[in-house]
Every structure is written in structure tokens, then in C-alpha cells.
Protein backbone atom coordinates (compact mmCIF):
# COMPACT_ATOMS: atom_id res chain seq x y z
CA UNK A 1 -141.60 -113.07 -165.48
CA UNK A 2 -140.27 -111.36 -168.58
CA UNK A 3 -137.42 -112.57 -170.75
CA UNK A 4 -134.44 -110.40 -171.76
CA UNK A 5 -131.50 -111.17 -174.00
CA UNK A 6 -128.28 -109.40 -173.12
CA UNK A 7 -124.74 -108.76 -174.25
CA UNK A 8 -121.82 -109.43 -171.92
CA UNK A 9 -118.13 -108.61 -172.28
CA UNK A 10 -117.86 -111.59 -174.64
CA UNK A 11 -118.90 -109.32 -177.50
CA UNK A 12 -115.32 -107.99 -177.60
CA UNK A 13 -114.01 -111.32 -178.93
CA UNK A 14 -116.57 -111.15 -181.76
CA UNK A 15 -115.30 -107.85 -183.09
CA UNK A 16 -115.18 -106.71 -185.88
CA UNK A 17 -118.28 -108.72 -186.80
CA UNK A 18 -120.36 -106.95 -184.14
CA UNK A 19 -119.20 -103.35 -184.48
CA UNK A 20 -122.40 -102.59 -186.39
CA UNK A 21 -124.84 -104.98 -184.68
CA UNK A 22 -125.59 -106.72 -181.39
CA UNK A 23 -124.22 -110.24 -180.95
CA UNK A 24 -127.67 -111.81 -181.33
CA UNK A 25 -127.95 -110.56 -184.92
CA UNK A 26 -125.06 -112.74 -186.10
CA UNK A 27 -125.95 -115.54 -188.51
CA UNK A 28 -125.22 -119.19 -187.80
CA UNK A 29 -127.26 -121.25 -190.24
CA UNK A 30 -130.36 -119.76 -191.85
CA UNK A 31 -131.39 -117.97 -188.64
CA UNK A 32 -129.72 -115.35 -186.48
CA UNK A 33 -128.92 -116.19 -182.87
CA UNK A 34 -131.92 -114.08 -181.81
CA UNK A 35 -134.27 -115.92 -184.17
CA UNK A 36 -133.10 -119.22 -182.69
CA UNK A 37 -133.82 -117.96 -179.16
CA UNK A 38 -137.28 -116.83 -180.25
CA UNK A 39 -138.16 -120.39 -181.24
CA UNK A 40 -138.05 -121.35 -177.55
CA UNK A 41 -138.53 -118.13 -175.57
CA UNK A 42 -140.69 -115.02 -175.96
CA UNK A 43 -138.27 -112.08 -175.84
CA UNK A 44 -139.58 -109.03 -174.02
CA UNK A 45 -136.47 -106.83 -173.96
CA UNK A 46 -132.93 -106.54 -175.30
CA UNK A 47 -129.98 -105.21 -173.30
CA UNK A 48 -126.85 -104.20 -175.19
CA UNK A 49 -124.26 -101.55 -175.94
CA UNK A 50 -125.57 -98.01 -175.64
CA UNK A 51 -124.01 -96.80 -178.91
CA UNK A 52 -126.13 -99.41 -180.72
CA UNK A 53 -129.21 -97.86 -179.12
CA UNK A 54 -129.96 -100.50 -176.48
CA UNK A 55 -130.62 -99.99 -172.77
CA UNK A 56 -128.19 -101.58 -170.34
CA UNK A 57 -130.60 -102.25 -167.46
CA UNK A 58 -133.93 -103.95 -166.91
CA UNK A 59 -135.99 -103.87 -163.73
CA UNK A 60 -138.22 -106.49 -162.15
CA UNK A 61 -138.26 -110.30 -162.25
CA UNK A 62 -136.55 -111.52 -165.40
CA UNK A 63 -134.98 -114.49 -167.11
CA UNK A 64 -131.83 -113.10 -168.73
CA UNK A 65 -130.44 -115.05 -171.70
CA UNK A 66 -126.97 -114.46 -173.10
CA UNK A 67 -127.33 -113.23 -176.70
CA UNK A 68 -124.39 -115.42 -177.76
CA UNK A 69 -126.15 -118.74 -177.13
CA UNK A 70 -127.28 -121.15 -179.84
CA UNK A 71 -130.71 -121.98 -178.47
CA UNK A 72 -132.22 -125.44 -178.93
CA UNK A 73 -134.72 -127.76 -177.25
CA UNK A 74 -132.08 -129.05 -174.83
CA UNK A 75 -131.36 -125.52 -173.64
CA UNK A 76 -135.05 -124.77 -173.14
CA UNK A 77 -135.35 -127.86 -170.94
CA UNK A 78 -132.24 -126.91 -168.94
CA UNK A 79 -133.40 -123.30 -168.42
CA UNK A 80 -137.15 -123.17 -167.74
CA UNK A 81 -138.89 -119.83 -167.33
CA UNK A 82 -140.30 -120.63 -163.90
CA UNK A 83 -138.28 -121.46 -160.81
CA UNK A 84 -136.21 -119.94 -158.00
CA UNK A 85 -133.38 -117.49 -158.50
CA UNK A 86 -130.61 -119.35 -160.30
CA UNK A 87 -127.62 -118.60 -162.51
CA UNK A 88 -126.77 -121.05 -165.30
CA UNK A 89 -123.15 -121.46 -166.40
CA UNK A 90 -121.31 -123.42 -169.08
CA UNK A 91 -117.52 -123.73 -168.82
CA UNK A 92 -117.43 -120.71 -166.53
CA UNK A 93 -119.53 -118.48 -168.75
CA UNK A 94 -122.90 -117.08 -167.76
CA UNK A 95 -125.52 -118.55 -170.08
CA UNK A 96 -128.66 -117.33 -168.30
CA UNK A 97 -129.96 -116.16 -164.95
CA UNK A 98 -133.43 -116.21 -163.43
CA UNK A 99 -133.64 -113.42 -160.87
CA UNK A 100 -135.59 -110.65 -159.16
CA UNK A 101 -132.53 -108.35 -159.31
CA UNK A 102 -131.12 -106.08 -162.05
CA UNK A 103 -128.51 -107.64 -164.34
CA UNK A 104 -125.73 -105.48 -162.89
CA UNK A 105 -126.36 -106.99 -159.45
CA UNK A 106 -126.25 -110.49 -160.88
CA UNK A 107 -122.80 -109.89 -162.41
CA UNK A 108 -121.41 -108.51 -159.16
CA UNK A 109 -118.82 -110.74 -157.41
CA UNK A 110 -120.94 -110.32 -154.29
CA UNK A 111 -123.99 -111.93 -155.90
CA UNK A 112 -125.44 -114.75 -153.78
CA UNK A 113 -127.59 -116.31 -156.50
CA UNK A 114 -127.07 -120.11 -156.63
CA UNK A 115 -125.08 -121.35 -159.63
CA UNK A 116 -125.79 -124.37 -161.79
CA UNK A 117 -123.59 -125.87 -164.53
CA UNK A 118 -125.35 -126.90 -167.74
CA UNK A 119 -124.41 -127.96 -171.24
CA UNK A 120 -124.89 -125.24 -173.83
CA UNK A 121 -123.47 -124.01 -177.12
CA UNK A 122 -122.25 -120.45 -177.00
CA UNK A 123 -120.48 -118.33 -179.60
CA UNK A 124 -117.17 -117.26 -178.06
CA UNK A 125 -115.15 -116.41 -181.17
CA UNK A 126 -115.88 -115.64 -184.84
CA UNK A 127 -114.79 -119.10 -185.97
CA UNK A 128 -117.48 -120.68 -183.79
CA UNK A 129 -120.06 -119.29 -186.23
CA UNK A 130 -118.41 -121.14 -189.09
CA UNK A 131 -117.82 -124.30 -187.04
CA UNK A 132 -121.46 -124.63 -185.94
CA UNK A 133 -122.92 -123.54 -189.28
CA UNK A 134 -123.24 -127.01 -190.90
CA UNK A 135 -125.32 -128.44 -188.05
CA UNK A 136 -127.53 -125.34 -187.90
CA UNK A 137 -128.04 -125.21 -191.67
CA UNK A 138 -129.00 -128.88 -191.71
CA UNK A 139 -131.69 -128.24 -189.07
CA UNK A 140 -133.05 -125.04 -190.63
CA UNK A 141 -132.83 -125.56 -194.39
CA UNK A 142 -136.06 -126.11 -196.30
CA UNK A 143 -135.63 -128.04 -199.57
CA UNK A 144 -137.49 -125.43 -201.56
CA UNK A 145 -136.63 -123.71 -204.82
CA UNK A 146 -138.66 -120.53 -205.33
CA UNK A 147 -136.09 -118.61 -207.35
CA UNK A 148 -135.23 -118.90 -211.04
CA UNK A 149 -132.84 -121.74 -211.92
CA UNK A 150 -131.44 -121.87 -215.45
CA UNK A 151 -131.98 -125.23 -217.11
CA UNK A 152 -128.22 -125.60 -217.60
CA UNK A 153 -127.39 -124.98 -213.96
CA UNK A 154 -126.27 -128.09 -212.05
CA UNK A 155 -127.71 -128.88 -208.62
CA UNK A 156 -126.25 -131.78 -206.66
CA UNK A 157 -128.41 -133.13 -203.80
CA UNK A 158 -131.29 -130.75 -204.47
CA UNK A 159 -133.08 -131.85 -201.28
CA UNK A 160 -130.43 -129.92 -199.34
CA UNK A 161 -130.74 -126.71 -201.38
CA UNK A 162 -132.98 -123.74 -200.61
CA UNK A 163 -133.26 -120.93 -203.17
CA UNK A 164 -135.44 -118.05 -202.02
CA UNK A 165 -137.91 -115.98 -204.01
CA UNK A 166 -136.30 -113.55 -206.42
CA UNK A 167 -132.93 -115.34 -206.44
CA UNK A 168 -131.43 -116.28 -209.82
CA UNK A 169 -129.02 -119.14 -210.57
CA UNK A 170 -127.60 -118.69 -214.06
CA UNK A 171 -126.36 -121.15 -216.70
CA UNK A 172 -123.47 -123.49 -215.86
CA UNK A 173 -123.49 -122.52 -212.19
CA UNK A 174 -122.94 -125.53 -209.90
CA UNK A 175 -124.59 -125.83 -206.50
CA UNK A 176 -123.02 -128.86 -204.84
CA UNK A 177 -124.82 -129.77 -201.59
CA UNK A 178 -123.40 -133.29 -201.27
CA UNK A 179 -121.15 -132.26 -198.36
CA UNK A 180 -123.64 -129.88 -196.74
CA UNK A 181 -126.73 -127.71 -197.37
CA UNK A 182 -126.78 -124.57 -199.49
CA UNK A 183 -129.00 -121.55 -198.88
CA UNK A 184 -129.40 -118.77 -201.47
CA UNK A 185 -131.18 -115.70 -200.10
CA UNK A 186 -133.92 -113.57 -201.60
CA UNK A 187 -132.84 -111.47 -204.57
CA UNK A 188 -129.34 -112.96 -204.80
CA UNK A 189 -127.63 -113.66 -208.12
CA UNK A 190 -125.37 -116.66 -208.82
CA UNK A 191 -123.36 -115.83 -211.94
CA UNK A 192 -122.71 -118.27 -214.80
CA UNK A 193 -119.97 -120.78 -214.02
CA UNK A 194 -119.98 -120.20 -210.27
CA UNK A 195 -119.08 -123.19 -208.08
CA UNK A 196 -120.86 -123.14 -204.71
CA UNK A 197 -120.08 -126.03 -202.35
CA UNK A 198 -121.99 -126.62 -199.16
CA UNK A 199 -122.35 -126.10 -196.34
CA UNK A 200 -122.93 -122.53 -197.45
CA UNK A 201 -125.15 -119.59 -196.56
CA UNK A 202 -125.53 -116.78 -199.11
CA UNK A 203 -127.77 -114.09 -197.62
CA UNK A 204 -130.21 -111.77 -199.41
CA UNK A 205 -129.25 -109.57 -202.35
CA UNK A 206 -125.74 -110.94 -202.87
CA UNK A 207 -123.94 -111.33 -206.20
CA UNK A 208 -121.57 -114.27 -206.28
CA UNK A 209 -119.20 -115.89 -208.76
CA UNK A 210 -116.03 -117.97 -208.66
CA UNK A 211 -115.78 -120.66 -205.97
CA UNK A 212 -117.26 -120.39 -202.47
CA UNK A 213 -117.33 -123.17 -199.88
CA UNK A 214 -118.23 -123.55 -196.18
CA UNK A 215 -118.93 -119.84 -195.66
CA UNK A 216 -121.48 -117.31 -194.46
CA UNK A 217 -122.24 -114.19 -196.51
CA UNK A 218 -124.63 -112.14 -194.38
CA UNK A 219 -126.22 -110.16 -197.21
CA UNK A 220 -125.74 -107.42 -199.82
CA UNK A 221 -122.25 -108.73 -200.57
CA UNK A 222 -120.63 -108.60 -203.97
CA UNK A 223 -118.23 -111.30 -205.10
CA UNK A 224 -119.02 -111.00 -208.77
CA UNK A 225 -115.80 -112.35 -210.26
CA UNK A 226 -113.42 -115.31 -210.19
CA UNK A 227 -111.56 -116.19 -207.01
CA UNK A 228 -111.94 -118.55 -204.04
CA UNK A 229 -113.55 -117.91 -200.65
CA UNK A 230 -113.63 -120.73 -198.08
CA UNK A 231 -114.46 -121.10 -194.37
CA UNK A 232 -115.18 -117.37 -194.22
CA UNK A 233 -117.64 -115.11 -192.41
CA UNK A 234 -118.48 -112.02 -194.46
CA UNK A 235 -120.59 -109.22 -192.98
CA UNK A 236 -122.88 -106.97 -195.05
CA UNK A 237 -121.99 -104.63 -197.93
CA UNK A 238 -118.59 -106.19 -198.63
CA UNK A 239 -117.14 -105.93 -202.15
CA UNK A 240 -114.45 -108.28 -203.44
CA UNK A 241 -112.60 -107.21 -206.56
CA UNK A 242 -111.83 -109.67 -209.35
CA UNK A 243 -109.45 -112.41 -208.24
CA UNK A 244 -109.91 -111.85 -204.50
CA UNK A 245 -108.94 -115.17 -202.92
CA UNK A 246 -108.48 -116.42 -199.38
CA UNK A 247 -106.54 -119.34 -197.94
CA UNK A 248 -108.39 -121.68 -195.61
CA UNK A 249 -105.60 -124.23 -195.05
CA UNK A 250 -102.02 -123.76 -193.86
CA UNK A 251 -99.19 -125.29 -195.88
CA UNK A 252 -98.28 -127.52 -192.94
CA UNK A 253 -101.94 -128.52 -192.33
CA UNK A 254 -101.62 -127.27 -188.75
CA UNK A 255 -104.33 -125.58 -186.67
CA UNK A 256 -105.14 -122.04 -187.78
CA UNK A 257 -104.25 -119.19 -185.43
CA UNK A 258 -106.23 -115.95 -185.43
CA UNK A 259 -105.42 -112.60 -183.84
CA UNK A 260 -108.21 -110.81 -181.98
CA UNK A 261 -107.73 -107.58 -180.03
CA UNK A 262 -103.96 -108.00 -180.20
CA UNK A 263 -104.02 -111.54 -178.80
CA UNK A 264 -103.38 -114.74 -180.76
CA UNK A 265 -105.85 -117.61 -180.44
CA UNK A 266 -105.51 -121.20 -181.62
CA UNK A 267 -108.78 -122.14 -183.30
CA UNK A 268 -108.02 -125.85 -183.15
CA UNK A 269 -109.31 -126.03 -186.71
CA UNK A 270 -107.38 -127.27 -189.73
CA UNK A 271 -109.67 -125.39 -192.11
CA UNK A 272 -110.45 -121.78 -191.30
CA UNK A 273 -110.49 -118.80 -193.62
CA UNK A 274 -111.15 -115.12 -192.94
CA UNK A 275 -113.56 -112.80 -191.14
CA UNK A 276 -114.56 -109.56 -192.85
CA UNK A 277 -116.41 -106.62 -191.29
CA UNK A 278 -119.21 -104.57 -192.84
CA UNK A 279 -118.61 -102.23 -195.80
CA UNK A 280 -115.07 -103.45 -196.46
CA UNK A 281 -113.75 -103.26 -200.03
CA UNK A 282 -110.94 -105.27 -201.62
CA UNK A 283 -109.16 -104.34 -204.85
CA UNK A 284 -108.53 -106.72 -207.72
CA UNK A 285 -106.14 -109.57 -207.01
CA UNK A 286 -106.30 -109.27 -203.23
CA UNK A 287 -104.88 -112.37 -201.52
CA UNK A 288 -106.09 -113.06 -197.97
CA UNK A 289 -104.01 -115.22 -195.68
CA UNK A 290 -105.29 -118.10 -193.54
CA UNK A 291 -107.03 -116.79 -190.43
CA UNK A 292 -107.14 -113.13 -191.45
CA UNK A 293 -109.42 -110.68 -189.59
CA UNK A 294 -110.48 -107.51 -191.44
CA UNK A 295 -112.34 -104.69 -189.73
CA UNK A 296 -115.31 -102.62 -190.87
CA UNK A 297 -114.97 -100.00 -193.63
CA UNK A 298 -111.48 -101.16 -194.59
CA UNK A 299 -110.39 -100.27 -198.11
CA UNK A 300 -107.72 -102.78 -199.11
CA UNK A 301 -105.31 -102.20 -202.00
CA UNK A 302 -101.63 -101.88 -202.81
CA UNK A 303 -100.34 -105.26 -201.64
CA UNK A 304 -100.71 -108.74 -203.07
CA UNK A 305 -100.89 -110.59 -199.74
CA UNK A 306 -102.99 -108.80 -197.15
CA UNK A 307 -101.86 -108.54 -193.53
CA UNK A 308 -103.46 -111.06 -191.13
CA UNK A 309 -105.04 -108.35 -188.99
CA UNK A 310 -106.40 -105.26 -190.73
CA UNK A 311 -107.94 -102.51 -188.55
CA UNK A 312 -111.30 -100.95 -189.20
CA UNK A 313 -111.30 -97.85 -191.44
CA UNK A 314 -107.96 -98.76 -193.00
CA UNK A 315 -107.04 -97.03 -196.24
CA UNK A 316 -104.57 -99.35 -197.89
CA UNK A 317 -102.27 -100.67 -195.17
CA UNK A 318 -100.72 -97.51 -193.73
CA UNK A 319 -103.42 -94.83 -193.64
CA UNK A 320 -106.85 -94.18 -192.14
CA UNK A 321 -110.03 -93.99 -194.22
CA UNK A 322 -111.54 -90.55 -193.62
CA UNK A 323 -115.00 -90.78 -192.07
CA UNK A 324 -116.78 -88.48 -194.52
CA UNK A 325 -115.37 -90.40 -197.49
CA UNK A 326 -116.37 -93.74 -195.98
CA UNK A 327 -119.92 -92.48 -195.50
CA UNK A 328 -120.13 -91.10 -199.04
CA UNK A 329 -118.95 -94.42 -200.49
CA UNK A 330 -121.51 -96.29 -198.39
CA UNK A 331 -124.26 -94.04 -199.76
CA UNK A 332 -123.23 -94.76 -203.34
CA UNK A 333 -122.87 -98.51 -202.79
CA UNK A 334 -126.21 -98.86 -201.03
CA UNK A 335 -128.04 -96.72 -203.58
CA UNK A 336 -126.95 -99.17 -206.28
CA UNK A 337 -129.10 -101.76 -204.48
CA UNK A 338 -131.95 -99.27 -203.98
CA UNK A 339 -131.17 -98.92 -200.25
CA UNK A 340 -130.89 -95.52 -198.60
CA UNK A 341 -128.30 -94.84 -195.90
CA UNK A 342 -130.40 -93.34 -193.12
CA UNK A 343 -129.46 -90.61 -190.66
CA UNK A 344 -129.52 -93.22 -187.89
CA UNK A 345 -127.05 -95.41 -189.80
CA UNK A 346 -124.75 -92.43 -190.40
CA UNK A 347 -124.79 -91.71 -186.68
CA UNK A 348 -123.94 -95.35 -185.97
CA UNK A 349 -121.04 -95.30 -188.45
CA UNK A 350 -119.76 -92.13 -186.79
CA UNK A 351 -119.89 -93.74 -183.36
CA UNK A 352 -118.14 -96.87 -184.61
CA UNK A 353 -115.46 -94.70 -186.21
CA UNK A 354 -114.88 -92.97 -182.87
CA UNK A 355 -114.51 -96.32 -181.14
CA UNK A 356 -112.79 -98.45 -183.78
CA UNK A 357 -111.25 -96.20 -186.39
CA UNK A 358 -110.22 -92.84 -184.98
CA UNK A 359 -106.43 -92.50 -184.58
């Protein structure tokens, strides 16, 4: 029996973080959701949105695993590869199904496959990635320093710090892992005087300064100046101008509410920051409110306090970013890191624009 990971309609509540990628490529800890699944299951196929280039069907006997799960040993025990046809649910959500039928038949209301309730962790909303990050980082971090650390840099609780090959931590930077692990990805640069407080994941080829705490930077992000970023999830190729700062705590210390797809959700969290899609740019002095969601390819300027929900391909706060200009900027930005924007990526950006950005 082969094993497939799949996307369900739950991906919609993870937008804009998944406009440019399948749900299983989201980071939660050092590893992506797919990498966590691979630790316990051999993946034979991936079923996802067609505009991302994935098939939507698979034939033959298969164990289907929801790409939004956080896989662990407990899950592997609850969902073995061998056994009769069975659908596994957690709080009403399909976690996995072992079946002889195509996935579309399994999701049909007429499906007669027996159901079983299990305990599982599943990413339902963007803030779940931040909420589960400390536990996942703690499990996956390797206390290993392969990068270059300046002798005047300060590392608290070095056994909870991982600095990858090619990363540089400059003089007077502080990496404080006393409240949670810190991961610095390959080729990333921590500027002099930066204050990084764990739990924190800084992906490959980032440039960071100022203060960052309890956040995930997926990779190729640039926060090269002063400013605070806390309890945030930042997708790839994001640039934050000098002084860009977010709030991660309401003045009344109440639970943070976040708007997704036009609907408000109570996160139940006292601390929660912002969620920023790929290739978004923020001008100097941008202030980001508690619980703000910013789409992909947004170009933010012209207002001190940003709106709490900013659509993809926004130009300022009232206009649309033209597709050809967005692509040209992406080419320039990526070339600065010696990365070429491929024809396939341009096609993907065009498709995302049609779905998320076109008026």
C-alpha cells in the first residue's frame, strides 16, 4: 500500500501563507510538516492544488495523510500502514484514511468507510504554526555551532542554539535561548547589536537586526535594521524597511483576534503578532497592528499604522500592484541573493495573481 499526503479545504484558512506552496511545506520548528511526516512514513505521492502543479487524484490502495498534520511517534502508532479500510478523525477533521478507493470517494458524504477518532495535532490556522513552534524546535534543534560567531557576540544557553554552516553572528549580537531554542539557518547574517530571543527560527539566507522573538522567518528575508518583530510568521523574500515594528500584545491584554477570508477568529492567545506572505515589502517606519495578516506581493507604504488585513498584490493601501512590476521587482530582489526567478516561478506568480490579486 502506498502513502500519499494530500491537501483538503483546510488550506484556505492558511492563506496567504500557502498561496505559493502546499500546506506541507510550511515550517513549524526546524522541519517542514512534510519533513516531519517523512520521519514516520515513506511518502509515495502528493495530492494538492492543480495551480501548484500537483495531481488531485491517486488510484489504488493508499494511506492518505492530511498534509496539515504535525506527525510524531504517537500518530504513527495510531495510524499504522496496514489494516482494514478506516478513516481517522480528530475533532471532526479528517487526519488520514486507509482505503482501496480514490480520495474523492472517501470525501463523499455517501462514503461507508468506518470512522475512528484519534488524538492528533493539526495546523488549522496560521497562529497554530507559532503556537506549536516551541515544542517542535525543542525536539528538532541540534546544539551545534557551525557558523562564524564573533567573540563579542553573547550567547545565552548555548546548548539550545543551532547556527548552521555559512551563518554569521556579528559583534554585540545577543542570542538569548533561555526561554526557548534558537535556530539560525545556513548563510544567514545576524547584524551587530541584534537581540534574538527564543524560541525563534531564522531560515536560510536571512539578514536580521533589531529585536526578534518567538517567530518564524522561512528564509531569504531581510530585516536589516532596528525594529521589533514578535510572535510572527514571515514567508520567503520579505523585506522590512528600517523601523518596521509589529505589536504582539493588545493594550488590554485580551485574546488576539485575526481576520481570515473576511471572517474574524479568536486565537485564544494573549501574545500573537502578524503573518506575512511571500515577496511582501514594507517601507521605513511601518507599524503593524496586533494580529495583522498581510498577503503575498504586498507593497506597503504611505501610512504609519498598517491595516489589520492587507490583500495580496496591494500597492500602498488603495491600489493594486501591477503583475509585471511585481515580477520585475522579484527578479531584482532574488538576483541580489544570486537566485534566478525561473519561468516556472513566473507562471506560478501569474496564477496566484489571477486567484488572489486580480481586481
